[in-house]
Amino acid sequence: MSARAPFARTAMVMAAGFGKRMRPLTITTPKPLVRVGGKPLIDHVMTHLAEAGMQRVIVNVHYLADALEAHLKARDYPFEVMISDERELLLETGGGLVKALPMIQEDPFFCLNSDNVWLESARSCFDELRAAWDDSRMDALLLLVPHSRAANYQGVGDFHLDQMGRIIRRRSGRVAPYIYTGIQLLSRRLLAGAPEGAFSTNILWNRAIAEDRLYGIAHLGQWFDVGTPGAIEPTAEALLNA
């Protein structure tokens, strides 16, 4: 597919979690509304989605859902916003995708975390994912970032990439060169035969890895791990100086 082709204009934003690592800020505020650089985390995401030409954005809600939903309704986004309501039961990442699937009328579509903060390179990461997508080979294409461009990150990485761009999981006790950014381009095929109820997308990724259908590309810009209160100030400063 051409990078200019009009496809993947729908995004699912994962915003239902408790944000436990961001406490005490998230005791009374849902993590997507925690401010970084004077702007709620979810609005950093929404700005990127607007710039990437999205037409429909589905947001799932659970923890402090009323506050988050009110914020979304009060904003004037240049795309349709739909709510996938998980108030009764938090469905995790995989279950949340399955519940929202009737609202997702496009294939492939983007899925991303609501607490993402990143800087683009020469072109948007969404265009990079669109350009790299190969429907004949892929069920999911993940945006990864090397340690050198992952600000605030203290972990050991998530994945390796082989020469074809296929994803290999980090082995126990090893350091992996790439970190998952929380942004991916998905085919509805990934959700075929998915479990019922709450489950992690990792279950679907593992199946795709076994079938050689999980791929990744490296983000060429900067990505920020904003998982704890201590990451807010350095991230805000970096954004100010960018």
C-alpha atoms as a PDB file:
ATOM      1  CA  MET A   1       0.000   0.000   0.000  1.00  0.00           C
ATOM      2  CA  SER A   2       1.145   3.520  -0.700  1.00  0.00           C
ATOM      3  CA  ALA A   3       1.907   5.810   2.218  1.00  0.00           C
ATOM      4  CA  ARG A   4      -0.513   8.284   0.578  1.00  0.00           C
ATOM      5  CA  ALA A   5      -3.360   5.797   0.320  1.00  0.00           C
ATOM      6  CA  PRO A   6      -6.466   6.855   2.295  1.00  0.00           C
ATOM      7  CA  PHE A   7      -6.512   4.019   4.782  1.00  0.00           C
ATOM      8  CA  ALA A   8      -6.178   3.579   8.556  1.00  0.00           C
ATOM      9  CA  ARG A   9      -8.136   6.682   9.548  1.00  0.00           C
ATOM     10  CA  THR A  10      -9.580   5.052  12.668  1.00  0.00           C
ATOM     11  CA  ALA A  11      -7.842   4.770  16.041  1.00  0.00           C
ATOM     12  CA  MET A  12      -8.668   3.014  19.300  1.00  0.00           C
ATOM     13  CA  VAL A  13      -7.288   4.847  22.357  1.00  0.00           C
ATOM     14  CA  MET A  14      -6.829   2.768  25.493  1.00  0.00           C
ATOM     15  CA  ALA A  15      -7.848   4.966  28.434  1.00  0.00           C
ATOM     16  CA  ALA A  16      -9.592   2.666  30.912  1.00  0.00           C
ATOM     17  CA  GLY A  17      -6.788   1.668  33.289  1.00  0.00           C
ATOM     18  CA  PHE A  18      -6.242   2.678  36.907  1.00  0.00           C
ATOM     19  CA  GLY A  19      -2.844   4.341  36.417  1.00  0.00           C
ATOM     20  CA  LYS A  20      -1.534   2.820  39.654  1.00  0.00           C
ATOM     21  CA  ARG A  21       2.106   3.754  39.012  1.00  0.00           C
ATOM     22  CA  MET A  22       1.067   7.414  38.717  1.00  0.00           C
ATOM     23  CA  ARG A  23      -0.377   7.562  42.257  1.00  0.00           C
ATOM     24  CA  PRO A  24      -1.063   9.703  44.221  1.00  0.00           C
ATOM     25  CA  LEU A  25      -2.017  11.857  41.206  1.00  0.00           C
ATOM     26  CA  THR A  26      -4.459   9.232  39.951  1.00  0.00           C
ATOM     27  CA  ILE A  27      -6.345   8.796  43.215  1.00  0.00           C
ATOM     28  CA  THR A  28      -8.761  11.524  42.094  1.00  0.00           C
ATOM     29  CA  THR A  29      -7.775  12.006  38.441  1.00  0.00           C
ATOM     30  CA  PRO A  30      -7.820   9.416  35.654  1.00  0.00           C
ATOM     31  CA  LYS A  31      -4.319   9.024  34.264  1.00  0.00           C
ATOM     32  CA  PRO A  32      -5.281  10.299  30.777  1.00  0.00           C
ATOM     33  CA  LEU A  33      -6.156  13.663  32.399  1.00  0.00           C
ATOM     34  CA  VAL A  34      -2.866  14.011  34.298  1.00  0.00           C
ATOM     35  CA  ARG A  35      -1.154  17.098  32.904  1.00  0.00           C
ATOM     36  CA  VAL A  36       2.273  17.084  31.304  1.00  0.00           C
ATOM     37  CA  GLY A  37       3.531  20.442  30.114  1.00  0.00           C
ATOM     38  CA  GLY A  38       0.167  22.018  30.965  1.00  0.00           C
ATOM     39  CA  LYS A  39      -1.767  19.571  28.776  1.00  0.00           C
ATOM     40  CA  PRO A  40      -3.650  16.364  29.674  1.00  0.00           C
ATOM     41  CA  LEU A  41      -1.884  13.232  28.498  1.00  0.00           C
ATOM     42  CA  ILE A  42      -4.799  12.213  26.306  1.00  0.00           C
ATOM     43  CA  ASP A  43      -4.735  15.553  24.510  1.00  0.00           C
ATOM     44  CA  HIS A  44      -1.091  15.027  23.560  1.00  0.00           C
ATOM     45  CA  VAL A  45      -2.345  11.849  21.855  1.00  0.00           C
ATOM     46  CA  MET A  46      -5.368  13.545  20.301  1.00  0.00           C
ATOM     47  CA  THR A  47      -3.188  16.288  18.804  1.00  0.00           C
ATOM     48  CA  HIS A  48      -1.062  13.679  17.033  1.00  0.00           C
ATOM     49  CA  LEU A  49      -4.182  11.857  15.837  1.00  0.00           C
ATOM     50  CA  ALA A  50      -5.600  15.072  14.392  1.00  0.00           C
ATOM     51  CA  GLU A  51      -2.345  15.827  12.589  1.00  0.00           C
ATOM     52  CA  ALA A  52      -2.372  12.290  11.167  1.00  0.00           C
ATOM     53  CA  GLY A  53      -5.797  12.825   9.600  1.00  0.00           C
ATOM     54  CA  MET A  54      -7.904  10.492  11.741  1.00  0.00           C
ATOM     55  CA  GLN A  55     -11.617  10.504  11.070  1.00  0.00           C
ATOM     56  CA  ARG A  56     -12.876   8.356  13.960  1.00  0.00           C
ATOM     57  CA  VAL A  57     -11.372   7.797  17.423  1.00  0.00           C
ATOM     58  CA  ILE A  58     -12.786   5.285  19.904  1.00  0.00           C
ATOM     59  CA  VAL A  59     -11.815   5.759  23.565  1.00  0.00           C
ATOM     60  CA  ASN A  60     -12.502   3.119  26.200  1.00  0.00           C
ATOM     61  CA  VAL A  61     -13.320   4.232  29.751  1.00  0.00           C
ATOM     62  CA  HIS A  62     -13.572   2.543  33.163  1.00  0.00           C
ATOM     63  CA  TYR A  63     -11.703   4.191  36.061  1.00  0.00           C
ATOM     64  CA  LEU A  64     -13.152   7.648  36.895  1.00  0.00           C
ATOM     65  CA  ALA A  65     -14.987   7.317  33.602  1.00  0.00           C
ATOM     66  CA  ASP A  66     -17.342  10.275  34.153  1.00  0.00           C
ATOM     67  CA  ALA A  67     -14.471  12.755  34.401  1.00  0.00           C
ATOM     68  CA  LEU A  68     -12.761  11.423  31.303  1.00  0.00           C
ATOM     69  CA  GLU A  69     -15.930  11.260  29.262  1.00  0.00           C
ATOM     70  CA  ALA A  70     -16.872  14.826  30.256  1.00  0.00           C
ATOM     71  CA  HIS A  71     -13.428  16.041  29.157  1.00  0.00           C
ATOM     72  CA  LEU A  72     -13.755  14.339  25.788  1.00  0.00           C
ATOM     73  CA  LYS A  73     -17.237  15.744  25.189  1.00  0.00           C
ATOM     74  CA  ALA A  74     -16.094  19.265  26.036  1.00  0.00           C
ATOM     75  CA  ARG A  75     -13.260  19.263  23.512  1.00  0.00           C
ATOM     76  CA  ASP A  76     -13.619  20.245  19.860  1.00  0.00           C
ATOM     77  CA  TYR A  77     -11.644  17.507  18.129  1.00  0.00           C
ATOM     78  CA  PRO A  78     -11.505  17.440  14.307  1.00  0.00           C
ATOM     79  CA  PHE A  79     -12.747  13.843  14.221  1.00  0.00           C
ATOM     80  CA  GLU A  80     -15.619  11.777  15.552  1.00  0.00           C
ATOM     81  CA  VAL A  81     -15.090  10.546  19.116  1.00  0.00           C
ATOM     82  CA  MET A  82     -16.913   7.450  20.338  1.00  0.00           C
ATOM     83  CA  ILE A  83     -16.888   5.987  23.853  1.00  0.00           C
ATOM     84  CA  SER A  84     -16.462   2.276  24.510  1.00  0.00           C
ATOM     85  CA  ASP A  85     -17.946   1.959  27.993  1.00  0.00           C
ATOM     86  CA  GLU A  86     -16.232  -0.527  30.317  1.00  0.00           C
ATOM     87  CA  ARG A  87     -17.653   0.898  33.551  1.00  0.00           C
ATOM     88  CA  GLU A  88     -19.122  -2.451  34.572  1.00  0.00           C
ATOM     89  CA  LEU A  89     -15.996  -4.503  33.883  1.00  0.00           C
ATOM     90  CA  LEU A  90     -12.436  -3.523  32.994  1.00  0.00           C
ATOM     91  CA  LEU A  91     -11.572  -5.723  30.031  1.00  0.00           C
ATOM     92  CA  GLU A  92      -7.796  -5.161  29.756  1.00  0.00           C
ATOM     93  CA  THR A  93      -6.225  -4.399  26.395  1.00  0.00           C
ATOM     94  CA  GLY A  94      -7.403  -7.416  24.418  1.00  0.00           C
ATOM     95  CA  GLY A  95     -10.902  -7.521  25.833  1.00  0.00           C
ATOM     96  CA  GLY A  96     -11.207  -3.771  25.329  1.00  0.00           C
ATOM     97  CA  LEU A  97     -10.383  -4.173  21.641  1.00  0.00           C
ATOM     98  CA  VAL A  98     -12.951  -6.942  21.227  1.00  0.00           C
ATOM     99  CA  LYS A  99     -15.681  -4.843  22.885  1.00  0.00           C
ATOM    100  CA  ALA A 100     -14.892  -1.813  20.717  1.00  0.00           C
ATOM    101  CA  LEU A 101     -14.622  -3.762  17.452  1.00  0.00           C
ATOM    102  CA  PRO A 102     -18.228  -3.069  16.312  1.00  0.00           C
ATOM    103  CA  MET A 103     -17.353   0.651  16.360  1.00  0.00           C
ATOM    104  CA  ILE A 104     -14.191   0.093  14.339  1.00  0.00           C
ATOM    105  CA  GLN A 105     -15.355  -0.022  10.736  1.00  0.00           C
ATOM    106  CA  GLU A 106     -11.928  -0.039   9.122  1.00  0.00           C
ATOM    107  CA  ASP A 107      -9.217  -2.616   8.549  1.00  0.00           C
ATOM    108  CA  PRO A 108      -6.432  -2.039   9.450  1.00  0.00           C
ATOM    109  CA  PHE A 109      -6.811   0.461  12.284  1.00  0.00           C
ATOM    110  CA  PHE A 110      -4.555   2.062  14.873  1.00  0.00           C
ATOM    111  CA  CYS A 111      -4.524   1.248  18.562  1.00  0.00           C
ATOM    112  CA  LEU A 112      -2.561   3.278  21.090  1.00  0.00           C
ATOM    113  CA  ASN A 113      -2.265   4.028  24.775  1.00  0.00           C
ATOM    114  CA  SER A 114      -3.750   7.253  26.088  1.00  0.00           C
ATOM    115  CA  ASP A 115      -0.663   8.136  28.145  1.00  0.00           C
ATOM    116  CA  ASN A 116       1.720   8.357  25.188  1.00  0.00           C
ATOM    117  CA  VAL A 117       3.995  11.352  24.737  1.00  0.00           C
ATOM    118  CA  TRP A 118       6.353  11.467  21.775  1.00  0.00           C
ATOM    119  CA  LEU A 119       8.024  13.746  19.257  1.00  0.00           C
ATOM    120  CA  GLU A 120       7.765  13.016  15.562  1.00  0.00           C
ATOM    121  CA  SER A 121      10.678  12.793  13.154  1.00  0.00           C
ATOM    122  CA  ALA A 122      10.453  14.041   9.555  1.00  0.00           C
ATOM    123  CA  ARG A 123       6.998  12.538   9.196  1.00  0.00           C
ATOM    124  CA  SER A 124       4.376  11.188  11.547  1.00  0.00           C
ATOM    125  CA  CYS A 125       4.776   7.757  13.081  1.00  0.00           C
ATOM    126  CA  PHE A 126       1.296   6.965  11.768  1.00  0.00           C
ATOM    127  CA  ASP A 127       2.480   7.602   8.221  1.00  0.00           C
ATOM    128  CA  GLU A 128       5.554   5.463   8.926  1.00  0.00           C
ATOM    129  CA  LEU A 129       3.298   2.604  10.046  1.00  0.00           C
ATOM    130  CA  ARG A 130       0.981   3.067   7.059  1.00  0.00           C
ATOM    131  CA  ALA A 131       3.933   2.988   4.678  1.00  0.00           C
ATOM    132  CA  ALA A 132       5.385  -0.168   6.243  1.00  0.00           C
ATOM    133  CA  TRP A 133       2.083  -2.081   6.395  1.00  0.00           C
ATOM    134  CA  ASP A 134       1.921  -5.236   4.270  1.00  0.00           C
ATOM    135  CA  ASP A 135      -1.508  -6.809   4.547  1.00  0.00           C
ATOM    136  CA  SER A 136      -0.370 -10.082   3.041  1.00  0.00           C
ATOM    137  CA  ARG A 137       2.234 -10.656   5.771  1.00  0.00           C
ATOM    138  CA  MET A 138       1.031  -8.796   8.865  1.00  0.00           C
ATOM    139  CA  ASP A 139      -1.692  -9.067  11.460  1.00  0.00           C
ATOM    140  CA  ALA A 140      -0.086  -6.359  13.614  1.00  0.00           C
ATOM    141  CA  LEU A 141       2.692  -3.817  13.164  1.00  0.00           C
ATOM    142  CA  LEU A 142       4.097  -2.333  16.380  1.00  0.00           C
ATOM    143  CA  LEU A 143       5.939   0.957  16.740  1.00  0.00           C
ATOM    144  CA  LEU A 144       9.094   0.333  18.736  1.00  0.00           C
ATOM    145  CA  VAL A 145      11.807   2.660  19.986  1.00  0.00           C
ATOM    146  CA  PRO A 146      15.471   1.976  20.824  1.00  0.00           C
ATOM    147  CA  HIS A 147      16.738   2.737  24.308  1.00  0.00           C
ATOM    148  CA  SER A 148      18.626   5.809  23.032  1.00  0.00           C
ATOM    149  CA  ARG A 149      15.351   7.520  22.091  1.00  0.00           C
ATOM    150  CA  ALA A 150      13.274   6.366  25.087  1.00  0.00           C
ATOM    151  CA  ALA A 151      13.442   9.154  27.661  1.00  0.00           C
ATOM    152  CA  ASN A 152      12.825   8.276  31.344  1.00  0.00           C
ATOM    153  CA  TYR A 153      12.814   4.556  30.526  1.00  0.00           C
ATOM    154  CA  GLN A 154      14.586   2.337  33.085  1.00  0.00           C
ATOM    155  CA  GLY A 155      13.639  -1.154  31.895  1.00  0.00           C
ATOM    156  CA  VAL A 156      15.334  -3.909  29.931  1.00  0.00           C
ATOM    157  CA  GLY A 157      13.365  -3.604  26.697  1.00  0.00           C
ATOM    158  CA  ASP A 158      10.610  -5.711  25.180  1.00  0.00           C
ATOM    159  CA  PHE A 159      11.506  -7.015  21.738  1.00  0.00           C
ATOM    160  CA  HIS A 160      14.094  -7.891  19.119  1.00  0.00           C
ATOM    161  CA  LEU A 161      13.550  -7.506  15.365  1.00  0.00           C
ATOM    162  CA  ASP A 162      14.877  -9.970  12.824  1.00  0.00           C
ATOM    163  CA  GLN A 163      16.128  -8.939   9.373  1.00  0.00           C
ATOM    164  CA  MET A 164      12.591  -9.093   7.974  1.00  0.00           C
ATOM    165  CA  GLY A 165      11.176  -6.885  10.730  1.00  0.00           C
ATOM    166  CA  ARG A 166       9.460  -9.752  12.537  1.00  0.00           C
ATOM    167  CA  ILE A 167       9.171  -9.378  16.292  1.00  0.00           C
ATOM    168  CA  ILE A 168      10.940 -11.701  18.716  1.00  0.00           C
ATOM    169  CA  ARG A 169      10.251 -11.437  22.439  1.00  0.00           C
ATOM    170  CA  ARG A 170      12.996 -10.646  24.917  1.00  0.00           C
ATOM    171  CA  ARG A 171      14.386 -13.727  26.555  1.00  0.00           C
ATOM    172  CA  SER A 172      14.440 -13.970  30.341  1.00  0.00           C
ATOM    173  CA  GLY A 173      17.583 -12.444  31.817  1.00  0.00           C
ATOM    174  CA  ARG A 174      18.462 -10.605  28.606  1.00  0.00           C
ATOM    175  CA  VAL A 175      18.219  -6.978  27.491  1.00  0.00           C
ATOM    176  CA  ALA A 176      16.171  -6.350  24.339  1.00  0.00           C
ATOM    177  CA  PRO A 177      17.088  -3.420  22.054  1.00  0.00           C
ATOM    178  CA  TYR A 178      13.534  -2.194  21.451  1.00  0.00           C
ATOM    179  CA  ILE A 179      10.767  -0.896  23.703  1.00  0.00           C
ATOM    180  CA  TYR A 180       7.103  -0.986  22.734  1.00  0.00           C
ATOM    181  CA  THR A 181       5.771   2.571  22.473  1.00  0.00           C
ATOM    182  CA  GLY A 182       2.119   1.650  22.962  1.00  0.00           C
ATOM    183  CA  ILE A 183       1.275   2.435  19.314  1.00  0.00           C
ATOM    184  CA  GLN A 184       0.324  -0.229  16.781  1.00  0.00           C
ATOM    185  CA  LEU A 185      -1.462  -0.781  13.478  1.00  0.00           C
ATOM    186  CA  LEU A 186      -3.760  -3.806  13.615  1.00  0.00           C
ATOM    187  CA  SER A 187      -5.794  -5.978  11.304  1.00  0.00           C
ATOM    188  CA  ARG A 188      -9.116  -7.273  12.508  1.00  0.00           C
ATOM    189  CA  ARG A 189      -7.615 -10.709  11.776  1.00  0.00           C
ATOM    190  CA  LEU A 190      -5.604 -10.386  14.996  1.00  0.00           C
ATOM    191  CA  LEU A 191      -8.854 -10.561  16.979  1.00  0.00           C
ATOM    192  CA  ALA A 192     -10.255 -13.639  15.232  1.00  0.00           C
ATOM    193  CA  GLY A 193     -11.014 -16.341  17.788  1.00  0.00           C
ATOM    194  CA  ALA A 194     -10.151 -14.036  20.696  1.00  0.00           C
ATOM    195  CA  PRO A 195     -11.085 -15.120  24.238  1.00  0.00           C
ATOM    196  CA  GLU A 196     -14.179 -13.748  25.957  1.00  0.00           C
ATOM    197  CA  GLY A 197     -14.002 -11.264  28.827  1.00  0.00           C
ATOM    198  CA  ALA A 198     -10.873  -9.588  30.126  1.00  0.00           C
ATOM    199  CA  PHE A 199      -7.530 -10.586  28.608  1.00  0.00           C
ATOM    200  CA  SER A 200      -4.244  -9.070  27.472  1.00  0.00           C
ATOM    201  CA  THR A 201      -3.322  -8.329  23.868  1.00  0.00           C
ATOM    202  CA  ASN A 202      -0.180 -10.346  24.605  1.00  0.00           C
ATOM    203  CA  ILE A 203      -2.246 -13.492  24.005  1.00  0.00           C
ATOM    204  CA  LEU A 204      -2.976 -12.331  20.464  1.00  0.00           C
ATOM    205  CA  TRP A 205       0.600 -11.159  19.905  1.00  0.00           C
ATOM    206  CA  ASN A 206       1.945 -14.568  20.940  1.00  0.00           C
ATOM    207  CA  ARG A 207      -0.241 -16.280  18.359  1.00  0.00           C
ATOM    208  CA  ALA A 208       0.848 -13.798  15.694  1.00  0.00           C
ATOM    209  CA  ILE A 209       4.521 -14.367  16.592  1.00  0.00           C
ATOM    210  CA  ALA A 210       4.026 -18.127  16.221  1.00  0.00           C
ATOM    211  CA  GLU A 211       2.499 -17.529  12.784  1.00  0.00           C
ATOM    212  CA  ASP A 212       5.235 -15.023  11.724  1.00  0.00           C
ATOM    213  CA  ARG A 213       2.644 -12.257  11.447  1.00  0.00           C
ATOM    214  CA  LEU A 214       3.773  -9.821  14.178  1.00  0.00           C
ATOM    215  CA  TYR A 215       6.105  -7.118  12.858  1.00  0.00           C
ATOM    216  CA  GLY A 216       7.681  -3.934  14.134  1.00  0.00           C
ATOM    217  CA  ILE A 217       9.367  -0.764  12.936  1.00  0.00           C
ATOM    218  CA  ALA A 218      11.570   1.664  14.837  1.00  0.00           C
ATOM    219  CA  HIS A 219      10.321   5.134  15.721  1.00  0.00           C
ATOM    220  CA  LEU A 220      12.769   7.763  14.488  1.00  0.00           C
ATOM    221  CA  GLY A 221      11.729  10.479  16.931  1.00  0.00           C
ATOM    222  CA  GLN A 222      11.854  10.753  20.719  1.00  0.00           C
ATOM    223  CA  TRP A 223       9.470   8.827  22.964  1.00  0.00           C
ATOM    224  CA  PHE A 224       8.833   9.498  26.659  1.00  0.00           C
ATOM    225  CA  ASP A 225       7.994   6.970  29.343  1.00  0.00           C
ATOM    226  CA  VAL A 226       5.536   8.903  31.514  1.00  0.00           C
ATOM    227  CA  GLY A 227       4.553   6.166  33.925  1.00  0.00           C
ATOM    228  CA  THR A 228       5.291   7.828  37.273  1.00  0.00           C
ATOM    229  CA  PRO A 229       4.962  11.329  38.775  1.00  0.00           C
ATOM    230  CA  GLY A 230       8.735  11.743  38.643  1.00  0.00           C
ATOM    231  CA  ALA A 231       8.698  11.550  34.844  1.00  0.00           C
ATOM    232  CA  ILE A 232       6.357  14.514  34.407  1.00  0.00           C
ATOM    233  CA  GLU A 233       8.778  17.395  34.977  1.00  0.00           C
ATOM    234  CA  PRO A 234      11.646  16.132  32.765  1.00  0.00           C
ATOM    235  CA  THR A 235       9.175  15.273  30.007  1.00  0.00           C
ATOM    236  CA  ALA A 236       7.571  18.715  30.172  1.00  0.00           C
ATOM    237  CA  GLU A 237      10.994  20.355  30.035  1.00  0.00           C
ATOM    238  CA  ALA A 238      12.020  18.274  27.020  1.00  0.00           C
ATOM    239  CA  LEU A 239       8.811  19.186  25.199  1.00  0.00           C
ATOM    240  CA  LEU A 240       9.360  22.869  25.945  1.00  0.00           C
ATOM    241  CA  ASN A 241      12.864  22.722  24.498  1.00  0.00           C
ATOM    242  CA  ALA A 242      11.997  20.603  21.473  1.00  0.00           C
END
